[in-house]
N, C-alpha and C. Protein backbone atom coordinates (compact mmCIF):
# COMPACT_ATOMS: atom_id res chain seq x y z
N MET A 1 134.31 -71.79 6.42
CA MET A 1 132.93 -71.42 6.23
C MET A 1 131.63 -71.42 6.82
N GLU A 2 131.11 -70.38 7.33
CA GLU A 2 130.31 -70.57 7.94
C GLU A 2 128.96 -71.26 6.88
N GLU A 3 128.06 -71.89 7.70
CA GLU A 3 126.92 -72.83 7.10
C GLU A 3 125.79 -72.04 7.02
N GLN A 4 125.08 -72.12 5.85
CA GLN A 4 124.29 -71.01 5.98
C GLN A 4 122.87 -71.35 6.34
N ARG A 5 122.33 -70.82 7.12
CA ARG A 5 121.19 -71.18 8.05
C ARG A 5 119.96 -71.73 6.76
N LYS A 6 119.58 -72.63 7.35
CA LYS A 6 117.88 -73.40 6.54
C LYS A 6 117.03 -72.27 6.99
N CYS A 7 116.06 -72.33 5.79
CA CYS A 7 114.72 -70.79 6.08
C CYS A 7 113.73 -71.96 5.76
N VAL A 8 112.78 -71.79 6.65
CA VAL A 8 111.74 -72.25 6.73
C VAL A 8 110.35 -71.25 6.93
N VAL A 9 109.58 -71.07 5.98
CA VAL A 9 108.89 -70.00 5.37
C VAL A 9 107.23 -70.65 6.33
N VAL A 10 106.60 -69.71 7.08
CA VAL A 10 105.27 -70.06 7.64
C VAL A 10 104.38 -69.19 7.54
N THR A 11 103.55 -69.61 7.18
CA THR A 11 102.18 -68.64 6.74
C THR A 11 100.76 -68.83 7.52
N GLY A 12 100.22 -67.69 7.88
CA GLY A 12 98.73 -67.58 8.41
C GLY A 12 97.80 -67.16 7.84
N PHE A 13 96.63 -67.25 7.76
CA PHE A 13 95.95 -66.27 7.21
C PHE A 13 94.95 -65.19 8.14
N GLY A 14 94.41 -64.19 7.07
CA GLY A 14 94.08 -63.10 7.71
C GLY A 14 92.55 -63.65 7.82
N PRO A 15 91.72 -62.27 8.32
CA PRO A 15 90.65 -62.54 8.46
C PRO A 15 89.74 -63.16 8.00
N PHE A 16 88.35 -63.87 7.95
CA PHE A 16 87.58 -64.34 7.10
C PHE A 16 85.89 -64.73 7.63
N GLY A 17 85.49 -64.07 7.13
CA GLY A 17 83.54 -64.71 7.55
C GLY A 17 83.60 -64.57 9.13
N GLU A 18 83.17 -65.52 9.95
CA GLU A 18 83.06 -65.30 11.31
C GLU A 18 84.57 -65.19 11.93
N HIS A 19 85.52 -65.00 11.75
CA HIS A 19 86.74 -65.58 11.91
C HIS A 19 87.55 -64.06 11.98
N ALA A 20 86.84 -62.85 12.57
CA ALA A 20 87.28 -61.77 12.48
C ALA A 20 89.01 -61.92 12.99
N VAL A 21 89.52 -62.28 14.00
CA VAL A 21 90.87 -62.61 14.09
C VAL A 21 91.00 -64.02 14.05
N ASN A 22 92.20 -64.26 12.69
CA ASN A 22 92.46 -65.74 12.32
C ASN A 22 93.28 -66.27 13.31
N ALA A 23 93.09 -67.26 14.16
CA ALA A 23 93.49 -68.13 15.48
C ALA A 23 94.94 -68.44 14.43
N SER A 24 95.02 -68.99 12.98
CA SER A 24 96.14 -69.06 12.32
C SER A 24 97.26 -67.93 12.39
N TRP A 25 96.85 -66.85 12.32
CA TRP A 25 98.20 -65.93 12.30
C TRP A 25 98.01 -65.45 13.46
N VAL A 26 97.28 -65.75 14.24
CA VAL A 26 97.99 -65.66 16.03
C VAL A 26 99.32 -66.22 16.30
N ALA A 27 98.61 -67.96 15.71
CA ALA A 27 99.75 -68.97 15.94
C ALA A 27 100.74 -68.13 15.51
N VAL A 28 100.85 -68.45 14.40
CA VAL A 28 102.60 -67.76 13.71
C VAL A 28 103.11 -66.44 14.13
N GLN A 29 102.19 -65.88 14.64
CA GLN A 29 103.23 -64.47 15.02
C GLN A 29 103.96 -65.04 16.42
N GLU A 30 102.56 -65.91 17.80
CA GLU A 30 103.13 -66.57 18.98
C GLU A 30 104.67 -66.99 18.11
N LEU A 31 104.23 -68.27 17.28
CA LEU A 31 105.73 -69.05 16.70
C LEU A 31 106.91 -67.41 16.85
N GLU A 32 106.69 -66.67 15.89
CA GLU A 32 107.85 -65.43 15.67
C GLU A 32 108.67 -65.01 16.77
N LYS A 33 107.72 -64.92 18.34
CA LYS A 33 108.23 -64.82 18.73
C LYS A 33 108.92 -65.80 19.68
N LEU A 34 108.51 -67.09 19.58
CA LEU A 34 109.39 -68.09 19.94
C LEU A 34 110.39 -68.28 19.46
N GLY A 35 110.60 -68.08 17.96
CA GLY A 35 111.34 -68.48 16.94
C GLY A 35 111.73 -69.82 16.94
N LEU A 36 112.98 -70.28 16.22
CA LEU A 36 113.04 -71.68 16.12
C LEU A 36 114.29 -71.77 16.17
N GLY A 37 114.99 -71.14 16.99
CA GLY A 37 116.81 -72.29 17.01
C GLY A 37 117.99 -71.00 16.08
N ASP A 38 118.73 -70.88 16.57
CA ASP A 38 119.90 -70.01 16.02
C ASP A 38 120.18 -70.28 14.10
N GLU A 39 120.09 -71.71 14.13
CA GLU A 39 120.45 -72.64 13.26
C GLU A 39 119.24 -71.89 11.77
N VAL A 40 118.02 -71.67 12.10
CA VAL A 40 116.98 -71.15 11.42
C VAL A 40 116.59 -70.07 11.04
N GLU A 41 116.51 -69.28 9.38
CA GLU A 41 115.92 -68.49 9.68
C GLU A 41 114.75 -68.97 9.34
N LEU A 42 113.58 -68.13 10.00
CA LEU A 42 112.02 -67.57 9.67
C LEU A 42 111.38 -66.96 9.57
N CYS A 43 111.05 -67.01 8.17
CA CYS A 43 110.37 -66.02 7.91
C CYS A 43 108.74 -66.49 7.79
N VAL A 44 107.66 -65.10 7.81
CA VAL A 44 106.47 -65.43 8.39
C VAL A 44 105.52 -64.22 7.32
N TYR A 45 104.91 -64.46 7.18
CA TYR A 45 103.28 -64.35 5.33
C TYR A 45 102.28 -64.52 6.31
N GLU A 46 101.29 -63.08 6.25
CA GLU A 46 99.85 -63.51 6.62
C GLU A 46 99.22 -63.43 5.19
N ILE A 47 98.63 -64.13 4.69
CA ILE A 47 98.02 -64.81 3.76
C ILE A 47 96.28 -64.26 3.28
N PRO A 48 96.05 -63.57 2.44
CA PRO A 48 95.05 -62.67 2.63
C PRO A 48 93.87 -64.37 2.03
N VAL A 49 92.53 -64.22 2.19
CA VAL A 49 92.30 -65.09 2.18
C VAL A 49 91.36 -64.92 0.69
N GLU A 50 92.36 -65.26 -0.34
CA GLU A 50 91.85 -64.97 -2.02
C GLU A 50 92.56 -65.77 -2.42
N TYR A 51 91.53 -66.74 -3.49
CA TYR A 51 92.49 -67.46 -4.39
C TYR A 51 93.19 -67.15 -5.07
N GLN A 52 92.98 -66.14 -5.73
CA GLN A 52 94.40 -65.31 -7.10
C GLN A 52 95.60 -65.19 -6.17
N THR A 53 95.34 -64.28 -5.19
CA THR A 53 96.47 -63.76 -4.67
C THR A 53 97.31 -65.01 -4.11
N VAL A 54 96.64 -66.30 -3.46
CA VAL A 54 97.01 -67.26 -3.42
C VAL A 54 97.91 -67.83 -4.61
N GLN A 55 97.34 -68.12 -5.74
CA GLN A 55 98.03 -68.73 -6.85
C GLN A 55 99.42 -67.85 -7.22
N ARG A 56 99.37 -66.44 -6.90
CA ARG A 56 100.55 -64.94 -7.29
C ARG A 56 101.53 -65.79 -6.40
N LEU A 57 101.45 -65.42 -4.85
CA LEU A 57 102.25 -65.25 -3.82
C LEU A 57 102.63 -67.07 -3.35
N ILE A 58 102.21 -67.70 -3.43
CA ILE A 58 102.91 -69.09 -2.90
C ILE A 58 104.12 -69.35 -4.25
N PRO A 59 104.36 -69.21 -5.24
CA PRO A 59 105.00 -69.39 -5.74
C PRO A 59 106.51 -68.21 -5.91
N ASP A 60 105.72 -67.23 -5.76
CA ASP A 60 106.58 -65.88 -5.09
C ASP A 60 107.60 -66.50 -3.92
N ILE A 61 107.11 -66.49 -3.24
CA ILE A 61 107.63 -67.06 -1.72
C ILE A 61 108.63 -68.41 -2.40
N TRP A 62 108.02 -69.27 -3.09
CA TRP A 62 109.44 -70.34 -2.98
C TRP A 62 110.64 -69.84 -4.05
N ILE A 63 110.11 -69.20 -5.11
CA ILE A 63 111.46 -68.17 -5.86
C ILE A 63 112.39 -67.58 -4.42
N LYS A 64 111.37 -66.33 -3.80
CA LYS A 64 112.19 -65.63 -2.63
C LYS A 64 113.21 -66.22 -2.17
N HIS A 65 112.71 -66.87 -1.38
CA HIS A 65 113.24 -68.00 -0.41
C HIS A 65 113.76 -69.25 -0.82
N LYS A 66 113.53 -69.43 -1.73
CA LYS A 66 113.93 -71.48 -1.75
C LYS A 66 113.75 -72.12 -0.56
N PRO A 67 112.85 -72.32 0.28
CA PRO A 67 112.61 -72.66 1.86
C PRO A 67 113.26 -74.26 2.23
N GLN A 68 113.89 -74.27 3.10
CA GLN A 68 114.08 -76.39 3.31
C GLN A 68 112.30 -77.00 3.42
N LEU A 69 111.57 -75.33 3.76
CA LEU A 69 110.35 -76.13 4.41
C LEU A 69 109.76 -75.55 4.37
N ILE A 70 107.91 -75.26 4.24
CA ILE A 70 106.72 -74.08 3.78
C ILE A 70 106.11 -74.75 5.08
N VAL A 71 105.81 -74.43 5.88
CA VAL A 71 104.51 -74.51 6.74
C VAL A 71 103.46 -74.08 6.76
N HIS A 72 102.25 -74.43 6.36
CA HIS A 72 100.88 -73.18 6.26
C HIS A 72 100.01 -73.70 7.63
N VAL A 73 99.51 -72.59 7.86
CA VAL A 73 98.72 -73.05 9.04
C VAL A 73 97.36 -72.19 8.65
N GLY A 74 96.20 -72.76 8.93
CA GLY A 74 94.93 -72.28 8.44
C GLY A 74 94.02 -72.39 10.23
N VAL A 75 93.27 -71.89 9.84
CA VAL A 75 91.77 -72.48 11.63
C VAL A 75 90.72 -72.94 10.48
N SER A 76 90.37 -74.02 11.36
CA SER A 76 88.71 -74.64 11.11
C SER A 76 88.04 -74.56 12.35
N GLY A 77 87.00 -74.08 12.13
CA GLY A 77 86.22 -74.00 13.10
C GLY A 77 85.59 -75.53 13.41
N MET A 78 85.52 -76.12 12.68
CA MET A 78 85.58 -77.71 12.96
C MET A 78 86.18 -78.10 14.28
N ALA A 79 87.32 -77.79 14.29
CA ALA A 79 88.77 -78.54 14.74
C ALA A 79 88.92 -78.37 16.49
N THR A 80 89.00 -79.22 16.96
CA THR A 80 89.33 -79.09 18.49
C THR A 80 90.72 -80.09 18.83
N MET A 81 91.48 -80.25 17.78
CA MET A 81 92.58 -80.43 17.85
C MET A 81 93.52 -80.10 16.79
N VAL A 82 94.97 -79.91 17.09
CA VAL A 82 96.03 -78.90 16.13
C VAL A 82 95.73 -80.74 15.04
N THR A 83 95.82 -79.95 13.75
CA THR A 83 95.25 -81.42 13.12
C THR A 83 96.30 -81.21 11.98
N LEU A 84 96.82 -82.17 11.54
CA LEU A 84 98.34 -82.12 10.47
C LEU A 84 97.76 -82.81 9.34
N GLU A 85 97.44 -81.96 8.11
CA GLU A 85 96.75 -82.45 6.75
C GLU A 85 98.10 -83.38 6.18
N LYS A 86 97.36 -84.45 5.12
CA LYS A 86 98.62 -84.73 4.49
C LYS A 86 98.59 -85.14 3.28
N CYS A 87 96.90 -84.39 2.55
CA CYS A 87 97.44 -83.92 1.51
C CYS A 87 96.22 -82.28 1.25
N GLY A 88 96.58 -81.95 -0.01
CA GLY A 88 95.50 -81.33 -0.95
C GLY A 88 94.85 -81.90 -1.50
N HIS A 89 93.29 -81.39 -2.35
CA HIS A 89 93.01 -81.68 -3.22
C HIS A 89 92.82 -80.81 -4.49
N ASN A 90 92.48 -81.12 -5.59
CA ASN A 90 92.68 -80.13 -6.93
C ASN A 90 91.63 -79.76 -7.67
N LYS A 91 90.09 -80.65 -6.97
CA LYS A 91 89.57 -79.91 -7.21
C LYS A 91 88.34 -79.87 -6.42
N GLY A 92 87.37 -78.87 -6.81
CA GLY A 92 86.07 -78.90 -5.67
C GLY A 92 85.93 -77.50 -5.20
N TYR A 93 86.17 -76.76 -5.56
CA TYR A 93 86.72 -74.66 -5.23
C TYR A 93 85.34 -74.35 -5.40
N GLN A 94 84.53 -74.22 -4.85
CA GLN A 94 83.00 -73.38 -4.87
C GLN A 94 82.86 -72.62 -3.91
N GLY A 95 83.47 -72.54 -2.85
CA GLY A 95 83.33 -71.18 -1.79
C GLY A 95 83.64 -69.74 -2.37
N LEU A 96 83.06 -69.26 -2.15
CA LEU A 96 83.88 -67.54 -2.36
C LEU A 96 84.72 -67.39 -1.63
N ASP A 97 85.50 -66.41 -1.86
CA ASP A 97 87.25 -66.17 -0.87
C ASP A 97 86.32 -64.70 -0.52
N ASN A 98 87.31 -64.05 0.06
CA ASN A 98 86.47 -62.22 0.29
C ASN A 98 86.59 -61.28 -0.07
N CYS A 99 87.02 -61.78 -1.98
CA CYS A 99 86.90 -61.51 -2.83
C CYS A 99 85.37 -61.47 -3.93
N GLN A 100 84.93 -62.41 -3.00
CA GLN A 100 83.41 -62.92 -3.67
C GLN A 100 84.03 -63.31 -5.24
N PHE A 101 84.95 -64.46 -4.96
CA PHE A 101 85.84 -65.05 -6.22
C PHE A 101 85.61 -66.48 -5.96
N CYS A 102 85.29 -67.02 -7.02
CA CYS A 102 85.83 -68.78 -7.03
C CYS A 102 86.36 -69.40 -8.16
N PRO A 103 87.63 -69.85 -8.02
CA PRO A 103 87.60 -70.22 -9.51
C PRO A 103 86.80 -70.77 -10.66
N GLY A 104 86.71 -70.23 -11.95
CA GLY A 104 85.74 -70.89 -12.72
C GLY A 104 86.33 -72.23 -13.20
N THR A 105 87.09 -72.90 -12.77
CA THR A 105 87.32 -74.04 -13.09
C THR A 105 87.01 -74.99 -11.70
N GLN A 106 87.12 -74.24 -10.88
CA GLN A 106 86.73 -74.71 -9.27
C GLN A 106 87.78 -75.77 -9.07
N CYS A 107 88.91 -75.73 -9.81
CA CYS A 107 90.58 -76.42 -9.27
C CYS A 107 91.76 -75.36 -9.21
N CYS A 108 92.97 -75.70 -8.30
CA CYS A 108 93.93 -75.03 -8.14
C CYS A 108 94.46 -75.31 -9.49
N VAL A 109 95.25 -76.60 -10.09
CA VAL A 109 96.10 -76.39 -11.24
C VAL A 109 95.31 -77.36 -12.23
N GLU A 110 95.32 -76.93 -13.84
CA GLU A 110 94.73 -77.11 -14.80
C GLU A 110 95.59 -78.96 -14.87
N GLU A 111 94.74 -79.72 -15.16
CA GLU A 111 95.70 -81.22 -15.43
C GLU A 111 96.18 -81.61 -14.35
N GLY A 112 96.31 -81.16 -13.84
CA GLY A 112 96.88 -81.05 -11.57
C GLY A 112 96.04 -82.67 -11.87
N PRO A 113 97.28 -83.66 -10.68
CA PRO A 113 96.53 -84.59 -10.15
C PRO A 113 96.02 -84.11 -8.99
N GLU A 114 94.69 -85.20 -8.91
CA GLU A 114 93.75 -84.79 -7.97
C GLU A 114 94.05 -84.33 -7.03
N CYS A 115 94.79 -85.69 -6.24
CA CYS A 115 95.05 -85.28 -4.91
C CYS A 115 97.02 -85.26 -4.68
N LEU A 116 97.29 -84.37 -3.83
CA LEU A 116 98.95 -83.68 -3.68
C LEU A 116 99.30 -84.53 -2.35
N HIS A 117 100.05 -85.79 -1.77
CA HIS A 117 100.44 -85.49 -0.60
C HIS A 117 101.46 -85.07 -0.29
N SER A 118 101.96 -84.65 0.90
CA SER A 118 103.26 -84.08 1.18
C SER A 118 104.65 -85.27 1.98
N ALA A 119 105.62 -84.97 1.53
CA ALA A 119 106.75 -86.03 1.26
C ALA A 119 106.91 -86.00 2.88
N ILE A 120 106.39 -85.30 3.65
CA ILE A 120 106.77 -85.54 5.43
C ILE A 120 105.65 -86.28 5.92
N ASP A 121 106.19 -87.07 6.45
CA ASP A 121 105.56 -88.42 6.96
C ASP A 121 104.06 -87.77 7.98
N MET A 122 103.16 -87.48 7.87
CA MET A 122 102.54 -86.83 8.96
C MET A 122 102.00 -87.63 10.02
N ASP A 123 102.05 -88.85 9.88
CA ASP A 123 102.21 -89.78 10.67
C ASP A 123 103.02 -89.66 12.24
N ALA A 124 104.09 -90.34 11.11
CA ALA A 124 105.50 -89.87 12.12
C ALA A 124 106.10 -88.79 13.14
N VAL A 125 105.08 -87.46 12.23
CA VAL A 125 105.55 -86.07 13.11
C VAL A 125 104.78 -85.86 13.83
N CYS A 126 103.33 -86.35 13.94
CA CYS A 126 102.05 -86.58 14.86
C CYS A 126 102.44 -87.22 16.46
N LYS A 127 103.34 -88.27 15.65
CA LYS A 127 103.75 -89.04 16.89
C LYS A 127 104.95 -88.56 17.98
N GLY A 128 105.52 -87.87 17.50
CA GLY A 128 106.87 -86.63 17.62
C GLY A 128 106.40 -85.73 18.61
N VAL A 129 105.20 -85.05 18.34
CA VAL A 129 104.70 -84.08 18.81
C VAL A 129 104.12 -84.19 19.89
N VAL A 130 103.30 -85.36 19.89
CA VAL A 130 102.45 -86.21 21.17
C VAL A 130 103.25 -86.15 22.41
N GLU A 131 104.05 -86.42 21.54
CA GLU A 131 105.38 -86.99 23.02
C GLU A 131 106.14 -85.66 23.68
N ALA A 132 106.37 -84.75 22.69
CA ALA A 132 106.98 -83.26 22.99
C ALA A 132 106.08 -82.25 23.58
N LYS A 133 104.82 -82.31 23.11
CA LYS A 133 103.54 -82.00 23.92
C LYS A 133 102.69 -82.04 24.46
N PRO A 134 102.66 -83.14 25.56
CA PRO A 134 101.23 -83.83 25.91
C PRO A 134 100.39 -82.50 26.65
N ASP A 135 100.61 -81.27 26.78
CA ASP A 135 99.20 -80.74 27.18
C ASP A 135 98.49 -80.77 25.92
N ILE A 136 98.69 -80.86 24.18
CA ILE A 136 98.28 -80.58 23.67
C ILE A 136 97.52 -81.92 22.39
N GLN A 137 96.53 -81.99 21.64
CA GLN A 137 95.86 -82.85 21.35
C GLN A 137 96.03 -82.45 19.64
N PHE A 138 96.86 -83.80 19.15
CA PHE A 138 97.02 -84.00 17.54
C PHE A 138 96.52 -84.79 17.02
N THR A 139 95.76 -84.44 16.28
CA THR A 139 95.70 -85.55 15.27
C THR A 139 96.00 -85.37 14.09
N VAL A 140 95.60 -86.55 12.44
CA VAL A 140 95.98 -86.15 11.20
C VAL A 140 95.16 -86.01 10.15
N SER A 141 94.62 -85.93 9.29
CA SER A 141 93.68 -85.65 8.19
C SER A 141 93.94 -85.93 6.81
N THR A 142 92.62 -86.48 6.37
CA THR A 142 93.29 -85.98 4.81
C THR A 142 92.23 -84.97 4.03
N ASP A 143 91.84 -84.37 4.90
CA ASP A 143 90.58 -83.50 3.79
C ASP A 143 91.29 -82.15 4.44
N ALA A 144 91.42 -81.27 3.89
CA ALA A 144 91.77 -79.55 4.50
C ALA A 144 90.55 -79.09 4.02
N GLY A 145 89.11 -79.23 3.29
CA GLY A 145 88.05 -78.55 3.92
C GLY A 145 87.95 -78.00 2.49
N ARG A 146 88.31 -78.24 1.04
CA ARG A 146 88.19 -77.21 -0.36
C ARG A 146 87.79 -75.87 0.05
N TYR A 147 88.54 -75.43 0.74
CA TYR A 147 88.59 -73.91 0.62
C TYR A 147 89.76 -73.01 0.55
N LEU A 148 90.13 -71.92 1.18
CA LEU A 148 91.71 -71.33 0.92
C LEU A 148 92.33 -71.93 1.52
N CYS A 149 92.28 -73.32 2.58
CA CYS A 149 93.14 -73.79 3.67
C CYS A 149 94.24 -75.27 1.87
N ASP A 150 92.58 -75.46 2.00
CA ASP A 150 93.03 -76.52 0.92
C ASP A 150 93.82 -75.98 -0.47
N PHE A 151 93.34 -74.77 -0.78
CA PHE A 151 93.85 -74.83 -1.98
C PHE A 151 95.28 -74.20 -1.92
N THR A 152 95.38 -73.49 -0.77
CA THR A 152 96.76 -73.19 -0.51
C THR A 152 97.57 -74.32 -0.70
N TYR A 153 97.45 -75.49 0.16
CA TYR A 153 98.14 -76.52 0.53
C TYR A 153 98.43 -77.75 -1.19
N TYR A 154 97.70 -77.53 -1.85
CA TYR A 154 97.91 -78.12 -3.23
C TYR A 154 99.07 -76.92 -3.81
N THR A 155 98.78 -75.69 -3.78
CA THR A 155 99.21 -74.98 -4.90
C THR A 155 100.62 -75.09 -4.43
N SER A 156 100.81 -75.13 -2.61
CA SER A 156 102.23 -74.97 -2.29
C SER A 156 103.15 -76.60 -2.54
N LEU A 157 102.28 -77.68 -2.25
CA LEU A 157 102.71 -79.15 -2.98
C LEU A 157 102.67 -78.78 -4.00
N TYR A 158 102.33 -78.50 -5.26
CA TYR A 158 102.40 -78.58 -6.78
C TYR A 158 104.33 -77.94 -6.76
N LYS A 159 104.60 -76.75 -6.28
CA LYS A 159 105.15 -76.16 -6.50
C LYS A 159 106.49 -76.44 -5.77
N SER A 160 106.27 -77.33 -4.95
CA SER A 160 107.42 -77.52 -3.43
C SER A 160 108.01 -79.03 -4.06
N HIS A 161 107.27 -80.06 -4.65
CA HIS A 161 107.03 -80.93 -4.80
C HIS A 161 107.23 -81.82 -3.83
N GLY A 162 105.97 -81.32 -2.81
CA GLY A 162 106.21 -82.30 -1.92
C GLY A 162 106.45 -81.62 -0.15
N LYS A 163 107.21 -80.40 -0.69
CA LYS A 163 108.02 -79.71 0.88
C LYS A 163 107.73 -79.21 1.10
N SER A 164 106.07 -78.89 2.02
CA SER A 164 105.40 -77.97 2.59
C SER A 164 104.77 -79.36 3.51
N VAL A 165 103.50 -78.34 4.44
CA VAL A 165 103.03 -78.81 5.19
C VAL A 165 101.51 -78.09 5.70
N PHE A 166 100.53 -79.25 6.46
CA PHE A 166 99.62 -77.91 6.72
C PHE A 166 98.94 -78.13 7.71
N VAL A 167 98.90 -77.15 9.29
CA VAL A 167 98.81 -77.46 9.92
C VAL A 167 97.06 -76.63 10.47
N HIS A 168 95.84 -77.04 10.60
CA HIS A 168 94.88 -76.31 10.94
C HIS A 168 94.75 -76.29 12.77
N VAL A 169 94.38 -75.37 12.65
CA VAL A 169 94.57 -74.98 14.47
C VAL A 169 92.91 -74.81 14.96
N PRO A 170 92.37 -74.51 16.05
CA PRO A 170 91.20 -74.55 16.45
C PRO A 170 90.69 -73.15 16.66
N PRO A 171 89.91 -72.33 16.30
CA PRO A 171 89.91 -71.22 17.06
C PRO A 171 90.49 -70.58 18.33
N LEU A 172 90.49 -69.53 18.29
CA LEU A 172 91.39 -69.31 19.52
C LEU A 172 90.76 -69.87 21.04
N GLY A 173 91.28 -70.26 21.88
CA GLY A 173 89.96 -70.47 23.37
C GLY A 173 89.76 -71.53 23.07
N LYS A 174 89.34 -72.31 21.93
CA LYS A 174 88.38 -73.56 21.47
C LYS A 174 89.36 -74.79 21.72
N PRO A 175 90.28 -74.86 22.25
CA PRO A 175 90.28 -74.57 23.80
C PRO A 175 91.66 -74.46 24.16
N TYR A 176 92.55 -73.83 23.08
CA TYR A 176 93.70 -73.78 23.66
C TYR A 176 94.36 -72.39 23.10
N THR A 177 95.23 -71.65 24.53
CA THR A 177 95.72 -69.91 24.06
C THR A 177 96.67 -69.64 22.87
N ALA A 178 96.51 -68.76 22.48
CA ALA A 178 97.58 -68.10 21.67
C ALA A 178 98.48 -68.97 21.89
N ALA A 179 99.42 -68.50 22.73
CA ALA A 179 100.76 -69.25 23.40
C ALA A 179 100.80 -70.66 22.96
N GLN A 180 99.68 -71.20 23.68
CA GLN A 180 99.80 -72.56 22.90
C GLN A 180 99.56 -73.28 21.51
N LEU A 181 99.34 -72.30 20.68
CA LEU A 181 98.74 -72.63 19.48
C LEU A 181 100.35 -72.44 18.94
N GLY A 182 101.08 -71.24 19.46
CA GLY A 182 102.64 -71.20 19.01
C GLY A 182 103.06 -72.04 19.16
N GLN A 183 103.36 -72.33 20.55
CA GLN A 183 104.09 -73.67 21.08
C GLN A 183 103.82 -74.89 19.78
N ALA A 184 102.82 -75.29 19.79
CA ALA A 184 102.06 -76.80 18.92
C ALA A 184 103.06 -76.06 17.39
N VAL A 185 102.77 -75.35 17.21
CA VAL A 185 103.36 -74.64 15.66
C VAL A 185 105.16 -75.13 15.70
N GLN A 186 105.47 -74.24 16.81
CA GLN A 186 106.90 -74.80 16.91
C GLN A 186 107.54 -76.10 16.99
N ALA A 187 106.25 -76.67 17.84
CA ALA A 187 107.03 -78.36 18.03
C ALA A 187 106.91 -79.21 16.74
N ILE A 188 105.63 -79.01 16.05
CA ILE A 188 105.51 -79.52 15.02
C ILE A 188 106.61 -79.37 14.01
N ILE A 189 107.00 -77.95 13.69
CA ILE A 189 108.11 -77.84 12.55
C ILE A 189 109.91 -78.46 13.54
N LYS A 190 109.68 -78.30 14.98
CA LYS A 190 111.21 -78.85 15.26
C LYS A 190 111.25 -80.25 14.61
N VAL A 191 109.98 -81.42 15.01
CA VAL A 191 110.00 -82.55 14.64
C VAL A 191 110.28 -82.86 13.27
N ILE A 192 110.00 -81.60 12.09
CA ILE A 192 109.64 -82.23 11.13
C ILE A 192 111.56 -81.77 10.12
N LEU A 193 112.06 -80.67 11.39
CA LEU A 193 113.63 -80.56 10.90
C LEU A 193 114.16 -82.08 11.04
N ASP A 194 113.61 -82.42 12.73
CA ASP A 194 115.33 -83.30 13.25
C ASP A 194 114.65 -84.58 12.13
N MET A 195 113.85 -84.57 11.64
CA MET A 195 113.18 -85.50 10.42
C MET A 195 114.36 -85.91 9.77
N LEU A 196 114.01 -84.33 9.05
CA LEU A 196 114.75 -84.15 7.43
C LEU A 196 116.37 -84.41 7.77
N GLN A 197 116.76 -83.63 9.15
CA GLN A 197 117.78 -84.15 9.17
C GLN A 197 118.85 -85.32 9.15
N GLN A 198 117.34 -86.61 9.99
CA GLN A 198 117.92 -87.31 10.26
C GLN A 198 118.43 -88.19 8.02
N SER A 199 117.14 -87.94 7.38
CA SER A 199 117.52 -88.36 6.32
C SER A 199 118.50 -87.96 5.63
N GLU A 200 118.55 -86.70 6.14
CA GLU A 200 120.03 -86.36 5.36
C GLU A 200 121.27 -86.73 5.24
N ASP A 201 121.28 -86.95 7.10
CA ASP A 201 122.61 -87.89 7.96
C ASP A 201 122.40 -89.48 7.31
N GLN A 202 121.60 -89.94 6.85
CA GLN A 202 121.25 -91.40 6.48
C GLN A 202 122.04 -91.12 4.95
N ILE A 203 121.19 -89.98 3.76
CA ILE A 203 122.12 -90.00 2.54
C ILE A 203 122.69 -90.03 2.63
N SER A 204 124.48 -88.70 3.77
CA SER A 204 125.49 -89.08 3.43
C SER A 204 126.14 -89.87 4.07
N CYS A 205 125.61 -90.80 4.51
CA CYS A 205 126.49 -91.72 5.40
C CYS A 205 126.38 -92.93 4.47
N ASN A 206 125.02 -93.10 3.77
CA ASN A 206 124.96 -94.23 2.30
C ASN A 206 126.11 -93.91 1.44
N HIS A 207 126.48 -92.70 1.06
CA HIS A 207 127.04 -91.92 0.14
C HIS A 207 129.05 -92.13 -0.02
N LYS A 208 129.18 -92.55 1.90
CA LYS A 208 130.49 -92.36 2.02
C LYS A 208 131.14 -94.09 2.26
N HIS A 209 131.12 -94.16 1.14
CA HIS A 209 131.78 -95.69 0.24
C HIS A 209 132.69 -96.16 1.12
């Protein structure tokens, strides 16, 4: 019986503010060209910069694809490196989205914990990608910015019990090309999938008495 391919969902964001072309979606489209190898089914989504759409779409993606991993990519005008976010925050959302809307409660999930961490060890991922892609600089962060990026990450972590990752990329050409951003996201996902495979192998070894 042929083993079912693992599914990885990767999302980028549509245009907003000064980002008429959103580097995150460009990076995801570049990743789609590169792929993740034959064993992995890659599904990509462009998410509009709208709180209410995020609240509807993220749970739908989890139900539809049941992915092994979901990776959200966003752009940060302040970033000069590819940044791996460790956690998402529940409160403090005051910035208006593309529909001029922000949540009345200024939070993602009523009564949810203030901070949710990814189940993936981002420090270890960062170490792995630095070795794999020496031409690109990577760093880790614990503040995804209290806008749609942070909101999406928290919503996804909440739904996935931590099986989500968020990556911030700098704007295009500051300093990386579209192709480099795509390669960076690909390298991150490959490192994570290797880590997940190793922990699965370890669990199955422990169970073989």
